[in-house]
N, C-alpha and C. Protein backbone atom coordinates (compact mmCIF):
# COMPACT_ATOMS: atom_id res chain seq x y z
N MET A 1 -110.61 81.33 -69.52
CA MET A 1 -111.22 80.50 -68.08
C MET A 1 -109.89 79.81 -67.62
N GLY A 2 -109.49 78.83 -68.32
CA GLY A 2 -108.62 78.07 -68.27
C GLY A 2 -107.04 78.78 -67.83
N GLY A 3 -107.02 79.76 -68.64
CA GLY A 3 -105.48 80.16 -67.96
C GLY A 3 -105.25 81.13 -67.99
N PHE A 4 -104.17 81.57 -67.06
CA PHE A 4 -103.85 82.40 -66.04
C PHE A 4 -103.25 84.13 -66.74
N SER A 5 -103.94 84.86 -66.55
CA SER A 5 -103.23 86.29 -67.13
C SER A 5 -102.01 86.50 -66.14
N LEU A 6 -101.94 87.75 -66.96
CA LEU A 6 -100.42 88.40 -66.75
C LEU A 6 -100.89 88.97 -64.92
N TRP A 7 -101.70 89.70 -64.67
CA TRP A 7 -102.45 89.87 -63.21
C TRP A 7 -101.80 88.61 -62.08
N HIS A 8 -102.34 87.56 -62.35
CA HIS A 8 -101.93 86.10 -61.85
C HIS A 8 -100.98 85.96 -61.66
N TRP A 9 -99.74 85.67 -62.55
CA TRP A 9 -98.73 85.40 -62.31
C TRP A 9 -98.08 86.40 -61.67
N LEU A 10 -97.97 87.76 -61.73
CA LEU A 10 -97.68 88.93 -60.95
C LEU A 10 -97.90 88.75 -59.57
N ILE A 11 -99.27 88.00 -59.13
CA ILE A 11 -99.59 87.93 -57.87
C ILE A 11 -98.69 86.78 -57.16
N VAL A 12 -98.58 85.94 -58.07
CA VAL A 12 -97.87 84.23 -57.51
C VAL A 12 -96.29 84.56 -57.20
N GLY A 13 -95.95 85.66 -58.01
CA GLY A 13 -95.23 86.11 -57.79
C GLY A 13 -94.65 86.70 -56.37
N LEU A 14 -95.29 88.03 -56.74
CA LEU A 14 -95.27 88.70 -55.48
C LEU A 14 -95.42 87.32 -54.10
N VAL A 15 -96.37 86.84 -53.95
CA VAL A 15 -96.53 85.65 -53.41
C VAL A 15 -95.29 84.90 -53.00
N ILE A 16 -94.18 84.44 -53.54
CA ILE A 16 -93.33 83.48 -53.82
C ILE A 16 -92.38 83.98 -53.33
N LEU A 17 -92.18 85.57 -53.28
CA LEU A 17 -91.27 86.68 -52.85
C LEU A 17 -91.57 87.10 -51.71
N LEU A 18 -92.65 87.20 -51.11
CA LEU A 18 -92.69 87.74 -49.44
C LEU A 18 -92.66 86.55 -48.39
N LEU A 19 -92.83 85.00 -49.11
CA LEU A 19 -92.20 83.58 -48.37
C LEU A 19 -91.22 83.93 -48.34
N PHE A 20 -90.59 83.53 -49.71
CA PHE A 20 -88.95 83.52 -49.24
C PHE A 20 -88.44 84.39 -49.39
N GLY A 21 -88.25 86.10 -50.03
CA GLY A 21 -87.85 86.89 -49.38
C GLY A 21 -87.06 87.10 -50.80
N LYS A 22 -86.27 88.30 -50.48
CA LYS A 22 -85.42 88.58 -51.90
C LYS A 22 -84.41 87.58 -51.46
N GLY A 23 -83.64 88.04 -50.44
CA GLY A 23 -82.21 87.18 -50.38
C GLY A 23 -82.43 85.66 -50.18
N ARG A 24 -83.30 85.23 -49.78
CA ARG A 24 -83.42 83.81 -49.98
C ARG A 24 -83.56 83.59 -51.20
N PHE A 25 -84.61 83.91 -52.24
CA PHE A 25 -84.28 83.31 -53.59
C PHE A 25 -83.32 83.47 -54.22
N SER A 26 -82.34 84.63 -54.23
CA SER A 26 -81.41 84.98 -54.46
C SER A 26 -80.39 83.79 -54.40
N ASP A 27 -80.17 83.31 -53.33
CA ASP A 27 -79.49 82.72 -52.21
C ASP A 27 -79.71 81.02 -53.17
N MET A 28 -81.16 80.91 -53.04
CA MET A 28 -81.40 79.29 -53.54
C MET A 28 -81.03 79.68 -55.71
N MET A 29 -80.92 80.57 -55.71
CA MET A 29 -80.08 80.30 -57.45
C MET A 29 -79.00 80.39 -57.31
N GLY A 30 -78.09 81.02 -56.44
CA GLY A 30 -76.48 80.81 -56.53
C GLY A 30 -76.56 79.68 -56.25
N ASP A 31 -76.89 78.90 -55.20
CA ASP A 31 -76.96 77.60 -54.75
C ASP A 31 -77.22 76.29 -56.32
N VAL A 32 -78.29 76.86 -56.83
CA VAL A 32 -78.67 76.25 -58.75
C VAL A 32 -77.42 76.30 -59.34
N ALA A 33 -76.58 77.48 -59.02
CA ALA A 33 -76.00 77.89 -60.45
C ALA A 33 -74.40 76.95 -59.52
N LYS A 34 -74.27 77.13 -58.64
CA LYS A 34 -72.62 76.27 -58.21
C LYS A 34 -73.05 74.77 -58.23
N GLY A 35 -73.89 74.42 -58.16
CA GLY A 35 -74.26 73.04 -58.22
C GLY A 35 -74.16 72.43 -60.16
N LEU A 36 -74.60 73.81 -60.87
CA LEU A 36 -74.35 73.35 -62.21
C LEU A 36 -73.14 73.53 -62.52
N LYS A 37 -72.14 74.38 -61.83
CA LYS A 37 -70.65 74.72 -62.26
C LYS A 37 -70.22 73.27 -61.69
N SER A 38 -70.64 72.81 -60.50
CA SER A 38 -69.83 71.66 -59.90
C SER A 38 -69.82 70.41 -60.81
N PHE A 39 -71.45 69.86 -61.11
CA PHE A 39 -71.45 69.00 -62.26
C PHE A 39 -71.28 69.06 -63.27
N LYS A 40 -70.59 70.31 -64.20
CA LYS A 40 -69.89 70.22 -65.29
C LYS A 40 -68.54 70.27 -64.75
N LYS A 41 -68.00 70.90 -63.53
CA LYS A 41 -66.13 70.24 -63.73
C LYS A 41 -66.18 69.05 -63.15
N GLY A 42 -66.90 68.44 -62.34
CA GLY A 42 -67.32 67.03 -62.41
C GLY A 42 -67.38 66.00 -63.93
N MET A 43 -67.79 66.53 -64.63
CA MET A 43 -68.28 65.72 -65.59
C MET A 43 -66.78 65.81 -67.07
N THR A 44 -65.89 66.90 -66.72
CA THR A 44 -65.26 67.31 -67.47
C THR A 44 -63.77 66.75 -66.70
N GLU A 45 -63.66 66.49 -65.19
CA GLU A 45 -62.73 65.79 -65.18
C GLU A 45 -62.53 64.34 -65.02
N ASP A 46 -63.88 63.56 -65.62
CA ASP A 46 -64.30 62.27 -65.17
C ASP A 46 -63.78 61.88 -67.11
N GLU A 47 -64.12 62.98 -67.70
CA GLU A 47 -63.48 62.85 -69.30
C GLU A 47 -62.17 62.71 -69.33
N GLU A 48 -61.96 63.86 -68.99
CA GLU A 48 -59.66 64.30 -68.44
C GLU A 48 -58.88 62.46 -68.31
N ALA A 49 -59.71 62.43 -67.45
CA ALA A 49 -59.24 61.09 -66.98
C ALA A 49 -59.73 60.09 -67.65
N GLU A 50 -60.13 59.81 -68.65
CA GLU A 50 -60.40 58.23 -69.51
C GLU A 50 -59.78 58.99 -70.07
N GLN A 51 -59.45 59.69 -71.07
CA GLN A 51 -58.57 60.35 -72.04
C GLN A 51 -57.07 59.65 -71.36
N ARG A 52 -56.54 60.68 -70.34
CA ARG A 52 -55.12 60.19 -69.58
C ARG A 52 -55.24 58.33 -69.81
N ARG A 53 -56.20 57.90 -69.40
CA ARG A 53 -56.35 56.55 -69.14
C ARG A 53 -56.27 55.80 -70.92
N ILE A 54 -56.80 56.22 -72.03
CA ILE A 54 -56.62 55.84 -73.08
C ILE A 54 -55.37 56.22 -74.05
N ALA A 55 -54.71 57.31 -73.47
CA ALA A 55 -53.06 57.64 -73.90
C ALA A 55 -52.32 56.66 -72.86
N ALA A 56 -52.67 56.48 -72.09
CA ALA A 56 -51.51 55.20 -71.51
C ALA A 56 -51.55 54.13 -71.87
N GLU A 57 -52.78 53.66 -72.11
CA GLU A 57 -52.63 52.47 -72.79
C GLU A 57 -52.25 52.44 -73.97
N ARG A 58 -52.14 53.43 -74.44
CA ARG A 58 -51.65 53.16 -76.15
C ARG A 58 -49.89 53.48 -75.72
N ILE A 59 -49.93 54.17 -75.06
CA ILE A 59 -48.31 54.03 -74.70
C ILE A 59 -47.54 52.55 -74.36
N VAL A 60 -48.39 52.01 -73.66
CA VAL A 60 -47.81 50.88 -73.32
C VAL A 60 -48.35 49.84 -74.50
N GLU A 61 -48.95 50.03 -75.15
CA GLU A 61 -49.62 49.26 -76.75
C GLU A 61 -48.19 49.64 -77.42
N ALA A 62 -47.78 50.80 -77.57
CA ALA A 62 -46.67 51.06 -78.99
C ALA A 62 -44.87 50.81 -78.32
N GLN A 63 -44.80 50.44 -77.10
CA GLN A 63 -43.77 50.50 -76.49
C GLN A 63 -43.47 48.91 -77.47
N PRO A 64 -41.74 48.35 -77.82
CA PRO A 64 -41.81 47.19 -78.31
C PRO A 64 -41.50 46.34 -77.28
N VAL A 65 -42.09 44.86 -77.45
CA VAL A 65 -41.68 43.79 -76.18
C VAL A 65 -39.78 43.29 -76.20
N PRO A 66 -39.74 43.39 -75.33
CA PRO A 66 -37.96 42.89 -75.68
C PRO A 66 -37.90 41.35 -75.88
N PRO A 67 -37.05 41.00 -76.68
CA PRO A 67 -36.96 39.74 -76.90
C PRO A 67 -36.90 38.66 -76.03
N ALA A 68 -37.12 37.40 -75.94
CA ALA A 68 -37.11 36.92 -74.68
C ALA A 68 -35.47 35.82 -74.83
N PRO A 69 -34.80 35.98 -73.47
CA PRO A 69 -33.23 35.74 -73.55
C PRO A 69 -33.28 34.19 -74.02
N ALA A 70 -32.35 33.89 -74.42
CA ALA A 70 -32.06 32.61 -75.60
C ALA A 70 -31.38 31.83 -74.06
N PRO A 71 -32.67 30.74 -74.12
CA PRO A 71 -31.54 29.62 -73.05
C PRO A 71 -30.24 29.19 -72.93
N ALA A 72 -29.65 29.01 -71.86
CA ALA A 72 -28.07 28.89 -72.00
C ALA A 72 -28.22 27.42 -72.03
N PRO A 73 -26.62 27.09 -73.20
CA PRO A 73 -26.36 25.43 -73.52
C PRO A 73 -26.45 24.64 -72.20
N GLU A 74 -27.43 23.51 -72.08
CA GLU A 74 -26.83 22.25 -70.91
C GLU A 74 -25.05 22.06 -71.64
N VAL A 75 -24.27 22.30 -70.74
CA VAL A 75 -22.97 21.48 -70.02
C VAL A 75 -23.29 19.95 -69.30
N ALA A 76 -22.71 18.84 -69.88
CA ALA A 76 -23.01 18.01 -69.82
C ALA A 76 -21.31 17.81 -68.70
N PRO A 77 -21.98 17.06 -67.20
CA PRO A 77 -20.31 17.15 -66.83
C PRO A 77 -19.74 15.90 -67.28
N ALA A 78 -18.32 16.10 -66.99
CA ALA A 78 -17.75 14.77 -67.95
C ALA A 78 -17.65 13.93 -67.15
N PRO A 79 -17.52 12.52 -66.80
CA PRO A 79 -17.85 11.56 -66.47
C PRO A 79 -16.68 11.07 -65.57
N ALA A 80 -16.63 10.92 -64.33
CA ALA A 80 -15.59 10.96 -63.18
C ALA A 80 -14.30 9.62 -63.76
N ALA A 81 -14.74 8.79 -64.63
CA ALA A 81 -13.95 7.54 -65.20
C ALA A 81 -12.87 8.27 -66.13
N ASP A 82 -13.56 8.96 -67.40
CA ASP A 82 -12.58 9.83 -68.13
C ASP A 82 -11.52 10.73 -67.56
N ALA A 83 -11.98 11.18 -66.29
CA ALA A 83 -11.34 12.26 -66.47
C ALA A 83 -10.17 11.30 -65.49
N ASP A 84 -10.24 10.57 -65.04
CA ASP A 84 -9.21 9.10 -64.28
C ASP A 84 -8.37 8.38 -65.39
N ARG A 85 -8.70 8.41 -66.79
CA ARG A 85 -8.19 7.78 -67.08
C ARG A 85 -6.77 8.91 -67.84
N GLN A 86 -6.96 10.12 -67.89
CA GLN A 86 -6.58 11.35 -68.67
C GLN A 86 -5.52 11.92 -67.51
N ALA A 87 -5.07 11.50 -66.46
CA ALA A 87 -4.43 11.84 -65.51
C ALA A 87 -3.55 10.78 -65.37
């Protein structure tokens, strides 16, 4: 009583085929397949970009940091009075 038999499903399928037509139905399934392929491609591109970013961070972290240059010693100018005495 509550379930559909094989004949019911065949009639429903025939009505759907008549409404949408054979070409439309196959076009819709092709569009669904293209959408799935595009989604999978997008997911793999995101994963590859993430892996490249992580690899780049590892390369940056692995490079040694160059030591800071030593500060130049300050040379005090000679007083002018001492220069006059030596001359």
